[in-house]
Amino acid sequence: MKTTIIICAAVMLSSACSKKDSSVTLQQGSTEAPTISSINQENLNLNKQQYSIYGKWFVDKSQGDGANTSEKAMVGRSIVFEQLNKDERKTSAKVSGNAGCNNYFGSATIDNNKEVDNIKFSGMASTKRYCPGVNDYSYLKLVEKSDSFKLSDDGSYLFLSKSGEGILLTFKRGN
């Protein structure tokens, strides 16, 4: 009986001592533990690669045709991208949002390459509510004519652009 208890205690002790903490690993040959700043930098680099266009965005600023006179009116309008399918070069997304008065919906094809992320909106439609003083058309026109997008380095801003015209709409990531 004593022998069995001693053997069980020895097995438990040896397994507890051999457990590794998988949350932090040392580089081979290194004798120093990573610092907090190096762990945060590694996480930052991993997160930077994970930023995507998918999710909800709110207009923060608008430029382009028709936007100058109604820039303040466009702030707060939204766009949502939901990924439908993805292959090696292109991704299909469902697009929806609020244009100020009316809700809109459609699809987008996203062509990801290393230099510019191209986007093509199609099948865009909206509800037809009457809202005096609200111009949904100017906003929807800017969305539809966008042909590329960029994300800010920290992933908190989305810039929709048109070749030759520059940034048309700036969105801030929503919740």
C-alpha atoms as a PDB file:
ATOM      1  CA  MET A   1       0.000   0.000   0.000  1.00  0.00           C
ATOM      2  CA  LYS A   2       2.827   2.398   0.943  1.00  0.00           C
ATOM      3  CA  THR A   3       4.627   1.516  -2.261  1.00  0.00           C
ATOM      4  CA  THR A   4       1.553   2.290  -4.389  1.00  0.00           C
ATOM      5  CA  ILE A   5       1.108   5.696  -2.728  1.00  0.00           C
ATOM      6  CA  ILE A   6       4.791   6.533  -3.203  1.00  0.00           C
ATOM      7  CA  ILE A   7       4.679   5.522  -6.891  1.00  0.00           C
ATOM      8  CA  CYS A   8       1.493   7.594  -7.501  1.00  0.00           C
ATOM      9  CA  ALA A   9       3.054  10.610  -5.783  1.00  0.00           C
ATOM     10  CA  ALA A  10       6.218  10.251  -7.855  1.00  0.00           C
ATOM     11  CA  VAL A  11       4.241  10.014 -11.129  1.00  0.00           C
ATOM     12  CA  MET A  12       2.143  13.093 -10.248  1.00  0.00           C
ATOM     13  CA  LEU A  13       5.236  15.069  -9.253  1.00  0.00           C
ATOM     14  CA  SER A  14       7.116  14.185 -12.426  1.00  0.00           C
ATOM     15  CA  SER A  15       4.156  15.095 -14.697  1.00  0.00           C
ATOM     16  CA  ALA A  16       3.671  18.442 -12.922  1.00  0.00           C
ATOM     17  CA  CYS A  17       7.352  19.309 -13.347  1.00  0.00           C
ATOM     18  CA  SER A  18       7.399  18.391 -17.034  1.00  0.00           C
ATOM     19  CA  LYS A  19       4.445  20.608 -18.076  1.00  0.00           C
ATOM     20  CA  LYS A  20       5.416  23.466 -20.404  1.00  0.00           C
ATOM     21  CA  ASP A  21       3.794  26.862 -20.535  1.00  0.00           C
ATOM     22  CA  SER A  22       2.669  27.032 -24.156  1.00  0.00           C
ATOM     23  CA  SER A  23       1.767  30.713 -24.023  1.00  0.00           C
ATOM     24  CA  VAL A  24       5.396  31.900 -24.157  1.00  0.00           C
ATOM     25  CA  THR A  25       8.184  30.023 -25.900  1.00  0.00           C
ATOM     26  CA  LEU A  26      11.858  30.801 -25.977  1.00  0.00           C
ATOM     27  CA  GLN A  27      13.778  30.871 -29.196  1.00  0.00           C
ATOM     28  CA  GLN A  28      16.163  27.961 -29.550  1.00  0.00           C
ATOM     29  CA  GLY A  29      19.463  28.793 -27.897  1.00  0.00           C
ATOM     30  CA  SER A  30      18.019  31.764 -26.008  1.00  0.00           C
ATOM     31  CA  THR A  31      18.404  31.926 -22.251  1.00  0.00           C
ATOM     32  CA  GLU A  32      16.343  35.097 -21.741  1.00  0.00           C
ATOM     33  CA  ALA A  33      12.573  35.226 -21.461  1.00  0.00           C
ATOM     34  CA  PRO A  34      10.800  37.498 -23.921  1.00  0.00           C
ATOM     35  CA  THR A  35       9.916  40.940 -22.641  1.00  0.00           C
ATOM     36  CA  ILE A  36       6.388  42.349 -22.480  1.00  0.00           C
ATOM     37  CA  SER A  37       7.189  44.733 -25.333  1.00  0.00           C
ATOM     38  CA  SER A  38       8.459  41.921 -27.566  1.00  0.00           C
ATOM     39  CA  ILE A  39       5.323  39.868 -26.903  1.00  0.00           C
ATOM     40  CA  ASN A  40       3.120  42.897 -27.648  1.00  0.00           C
ATOM     41  CA  GLN A  41       5.065  43.570 -30.871  1.00  0.00           C
ATOM     42  CA  GLU A  42       4.576  39.951 -31.972  1.00  0.00           C
ATOM     43  CA  ASN A  43       0.836  40.208 -31.256  1.00  0.00           C
ATOM     44  CA  LEU A  44       0.670  43.522 -33.127  1.00  0.00           C
ATOM     45  CA  ASN A  45       2.330  41.962 -36.167  1.00  0.00           C
ATOM     46  CA  LEU A  46      -0.080  39.014 -36.061  1.00  0.00           C
ATOM     47  CA  ASN A  47      -3.112  41.304 -35.695  1.00  0.00           C
ATOM     48  CA  LYS A  48      -1.943  43.545 -38.552  1.00  0.00           C
ATOM     49  CA  GLN A  49      -2.098  40.539 -40.884  1.00  0.00           C
ATOM     50  CA  GLN A  50      -5.630  39.704 -39.697  1.00  0.00           C
ATOM     51  CA  TYR A  51      -7.303  43.035 -40.505  1.00  0.00           C
ATOM     52  CA  SER A  52      -9.941  42.754 -43.189  1.00  0.00           C
ATOM     53  CA  ILE A  53     -12.671  44.726 -44.863  1.00  0.00           C
ATOM     54  CA  TYR A  54     -15.338  42.491 -43.310  1.00  0.00           C
ATOM     55  CA  GLY A  55     -17.575  43.967 -40.642  1.00  0.00           C
ATOM     56  CA  LYS A  56     -19.493  47.187 -40.094  1.00  0.00           C
ATOM     57  CA  TRP A  57     -18.108  50.609 -41.041  1.00  0.00           C
ATOM     58  CA  PHE A  58     -19.466  54.145 -40.574  1.00  0.00           C
ATOM     59  CA  VAL A  59     -18.724  57.118 -42.851  1.00  0.00           C
ATOM     60  CA  ASP A  60     -16.205  59.386 -41.172  1.00  0.00           C
ATOM     61  CA  LYS A  61     -15.466  61.678 -44.112  1.00  0.00           C
ATOM     62  CA  SER A  62     -16.489  61.976 -47.747  1.00  0.00           C
ATOM     63  CA  GLN A  63     -14.895  63.495 -50.819  1.00  0.00           C
ATOM     64  CA  GLY A  64     -15.654  63.408 -54.510  1.00  0.00           C
ATOM     65  CA  ASP A  65     -18.540  64.451 -56.762  1.00  0.00           C
ATOM     66  CA  GLY A  66     -21.578  65.594 -54.826  1.00  0.00           C
ATOM     67  CA  ALA A  67     -19.928  65.094 -51.459  1.00  0.00           C
ATOM     68  CA  ASN A  68     -18.575  68.601 -50.863  1.00  0.00           C
ATOM     69  CA  THR A  69     -21.963  70.181 -50.195  1.00  0.00           C
ATOM     70  CA  SER A  70     -23.290  67.311 -48.110  1.00  0.00           C
ATOM     71  CA  GLU A  71     -20.186  66.003 -46.316  1.00  0.00           C
ATOM     72  CA  LYS A  72     -21.660  66.525 -42.843  1.00  0.00           C
ATOM     73  CA  ALA A  73     -24.895  64.843 -43.928  1.00  0.00           C
ATOM     74  CA  MET A  74     -23.003  61.714 -44.996  1.00  0.00           C
ATOM     75  CA  VAL A  75     -21.199  61.177 -41.691  1.00  0.00           C
ATOM     76  CA  GLY A  76     -22.654  58.193 -39.854  1.00  0.00           C
ATOM     77  CA  ARG A  77     -23.932  56.329 -42.901  1.00  0.00           C
ATOM     78  CA  SER A  78     -22.917  52.707 -42.821  1.00  0.00           C
ATOM     79  CA  ILE A  79     -21.673  49.823 -44.933  1.00  0.00           C
ATOM     80  CA  VAL A  80     -21.367  46.184 -43.903  1.00  0.00           C
ATOM     81  CA  PHE A  81     -19.260  43.581 -45.711  1.00  0.00           C
ATOM     82  CA  GLU A  82     -19.978  39.875 -45.130  1.00  0.00           C
ATOM     83  CA  GLN A  83     -17.728  37.311 -46.801  1.00  0.00           C
ATOM     84  CA  LEU A  84     -19.634  34.785 -48.922  1.00  0.00           C
ATOM     85  CA  ASN A  85     -16.887  32.746 -50.585  1.00  0.00           C
ATOM     86  CA  LYS A  86     -13.221  32.994 -51.348  1.00  0.00           C
ATOM     87  CA  ASP A  87     -10.864  31.459 -53.877  1.00  0.00           C
ATOM     88  CA  GLU A  88      -7.181  32.083 -54.578  1.00  0.00           C
ATOM     89  CA  ARG A  89      -7.649  35.496 -56.202  1.00  0.00           C
ATOM     90  CA  LYS A  90     -11.159  36.793 -55.566  1.00  0.00           C
ATOM     91  CA  THR A  91     -13.628  37.002 -52.725  1.00  0.00           C
ATOM     92  CA  SER A  92     -17.370  37.515 -53.001  1.00  0.00           C
ATOM     93  CA  ALA A  93     -19.069  39.575 -50.332  1.00  0.00           C
ATOM     94  CA  LYS A  94     -22.586  40.589 -49.423  1.00  0.00           C
ATOM     95  CA  VAL A  95     -22.852  44.365 -48.956  1.00  0.00           C
ATOM     96  CA  SER A  96     -25.545  46.182 -46.997  1.00  0.00           C
ATOM     97  CA  GLY A  97     -25.942  49.347 -45.002  1.00  0.00           C
ATOM     98  CA  ASN A  98     -27.815  52.562 -44.402  1.00  0.00           C
ATOM     99  CA  ALA A  99     -27.572  55.409 -46.904  1.00  0.00           C
ATOM    100  CA  GLY A 100     -29.074  58.012 -44.570  1.00  0.00           C
ATOM    101  CA  CYS A 101     -32.766  57.320 -45.029  1.00  0.00           C
ATOM    102  CA  ASN A 102     -32.927  54.061 -46.944  1.00  0.00           C
ATOM    103  CA  ASN A 103     -31.259  50.724 -46.428  1.00  0.00           C
ATOM    104  CA  TYR A 104     -29.285  49.331 -49.346  1.00  0.00           C
ATOM    105  CA  PHE A 105     -27.860  45.975 -50.344  1.00  0.00           C
ATOM    106  CA  GLY A 106     -25.915  44.290 -53.105  1.00  0.00           C
ATOM    107  CA  SER A 107     -22.693  42.408 -53.641  1.00  0.00           C
ATOM    108  CA  ALA A 108     -19.020  43.097 -54.097  1.00  0.00           C
ATOM    109  CA  THR A 109     -16.177  41.197 -55.685  1.00  0.00           C
ATOM    110  CA  ILE A 110     -12.856  41.806 -53.984  1.00  0.00           C
ATOM    111  CA  ASP A 111      -9.665  41.093 -55.923  1.00  0.00           C
ATOM    112  CA  ASN A 112      -6.808  41.020 -53.419  1.00  0.00           C
ATOM    113  CA  ASN A 113      -3.356  41.596 -54.782  1.00  0.00           C
ATOM    114  CA  LYS A 114      -0.227  42.922 -53.092  1.00  0.00           C
ATOM    115  CA  GLU A 115      -0.305  46.515 -54.332  1.00  0.00           C
ATOM    116  CA  VAL A 116      -3.977  47.520 -54.575  1.00  0.00           C
ATOM    117  CA  ASP A 117      -7.119  45.832 -53.302  1.00  0.00           C
ATOM    118  CA  ASN A 118      -9.659  46.136 -56.112  1.00  0.00           C
ATOM    119  CA  ILE A 119     -13.387  46.081 -55.415  1.00  0.00           C
ATOM    120  CA  LYS A 120     -16.368  45.979 -57.757  1.00  0.00           C
ATOM    121  CA  PHE A 121     -19.880  46.637 -56.490  1.00  0.00           C
ATOM    122  CA  SER A 122     -22.821  45.076 -58.347  1.00  0.00           C
ATOM    123  CA  GLY A 123     -26.533  44.489 -57.999  1.00  0.00           C
ATOM    124  CA  MET A 124     -26.911  47.494 -55.695  1.00  0.00           C
ATOM    125  CA  ALA A 125     -30.489  48.344 -54.707  1.00  0.00           C
ATOM    126  CA  SER A 126     -32.199  50.213 -51.890  1.00  0.00           C
ATOM    127  CA  THR A 127     -35.501  50.680 -50.167  1.00  0.00           C
ATOM    128  CA  LYS A 128     -37.579  53.632 -51.408  1.00  0.00           C
ATOM    129  CA  ARG A 129     -38.654  55.542 -48.296  1.00  0.00           C
ATOM    130  CA  TYR A 130     -39.280  59.260 -48.619  1.00  0.00           C
ATOM    131  CA  CYS A 131     -37.143  61.373 -46.288  1.00  0.00           C
ATOM    132  CA  PRO A 132     -37.227  65.129 -46.994  1.00  0.00           C
ATOM    133  CA  GLY A 133     -33.781  66.728 -47.012  1.00  0.00           C
ATOM    134  CA  VAL A 134     -31.830  63.432 -47.108  1.00  0.00           C
ATOM    135  CA  ASN A 135     -29.847  62.663 -50.267  1.00  0.00           C
ATOM    136  CA  ASP A 136     -29.124  58.933 -50.341  1.00  0.00           C
ATOM    137  CA  TYR A 137     -28.256  59.101 -54.035  1.00  0.00           C
ATOM    138  CA  SER A 138     -24.947  61.012 -53.570  1.00  0.00           C
ATOM    139  CA  TYR A 139     -23.690  58.478 -51.023  1.00  0.00           C
ATOM    140  CA  LEU A 140     -24.746  55.433 -53.049  1.00  0.00           C
ATOM    141  CA  LYS A 141     -23.156  56.934 -56.176  1.00  0.00           C
ATOM    142  CA  LEU A 142     -19.802  57.248 -54.351  1.00  0.00           C
ATOM    143  CA  VAL A 143     -19.997  53.661 -53.065  1.00  0.00           C
ATOM    144  CA  GLU A 144     -20.880  52.228 -56.484  1.00  0.00           C
ATOM    145  CA  LYS A 145     -18.162  54.089 -58.394  1.00  0.00           C
ATOM    146  CA  SER A 146     -15.410  53.015 -55.967  1.00  0.00           C
ATOM    147  CA  ASP A 147     -13.005  50.562 -57.560  1.00  0.00           C
ATOM    148  CA  SER A 148     -10.355  50.050 -54.870  1.00  0.00           C
ATOM    149  CA  PHE A 149      -9.934  50.140 -51.124  1.00  0.00           C
ATOM    150  CA  LYS A 150      -7.216  50.401 -48.497  1.00  0.00           C
ATOM    151  CA  LEU A 151      -7.221  49.767 -44.760  1.00  0.00           C
ATOM    152  CA  SER A 152      -5.298  51.970 -42.334  1.00  0.00           C
ATOM    153  CA  ASP A 153      -2.238  50.378 -40.711  1.00  0.00           C
ATOM    154  CA  ASP A 154      -4.158  49.731 -37.499  1.00  0.00           C
ATOM    155  CA  GLY A 155      -7.255  48.414 -39.318  1.00  0.00           C
ATOM    156  CA  SER A 156      -9.568  51.066 -37.895  1.00  0.00           C
ATOM    157  CA  TYR A 157     -10.220  52.993 -41.148  1.00  0.00           C
ATOM    158  CA  LEU A 158     -11.394  51.907 -44.592  1.00  0.00           C
ATOM    159  CA  PHE A 159     -10.775  54.134 -47.619  1.00  0.00           C
ATOM    160  CA  LEU A 160     -12.893  53.596 -50.754  1.00  0.00           C
ATOM    161  CA  SER A 161     -11.246  55.130 -53.837  1.00  0.00           C
ATOM    162  CA  LYS A 162     -11.735  55.593 -57.546  1.00  0.00           C
ATOM    163  CA  SER A 163      -8.785  55.377 -59.928  1.00  0.00           C
ATOM    164  CA  GLY A 164      -7.803  58.855 -61.050  1.00  0.00           C
ATOM    165  CA  GLU A 165     -10.045  60.547 -58.456  1.00  0.00           C
ATOM    166  CA  GLY A 166      -8.518  59.434 -55.160  1.00  0.00           C
ATOM    167  CA  ILE A 167     -10.357  58.701 -51.923  1.00  0.00           C
ATOM    168  CA  LEU A 168     -14.143  59.043 -52.193  1.00  0.00           C
ATOM    169  CA  LEU A 169     -15.228  57.840 -48.746  1.00  0.00           C
ATOM    170  CA  THR A 170     -13.460  57.280 -45.434  1.00  0.00           C
ATOM    171  CA  PHE A 171     -15.089  54.867 -42.997  1.00  0.00           C
ATOM    172  CA  LYS A 172     -14.323  54.181 -39.340  1.00  0.00           C
ATOM    173  CA  ARG A 173     -14.702  50.597 -38.101  1.00  0.00           C
ATOM    174  CA  GLY A 174     -17.876  50.079 -36.060  1.00  0.00           C
ATOM    175  CA  ASN A 175     -18.933  47.534 -33.494  1.00  0.00           C
END
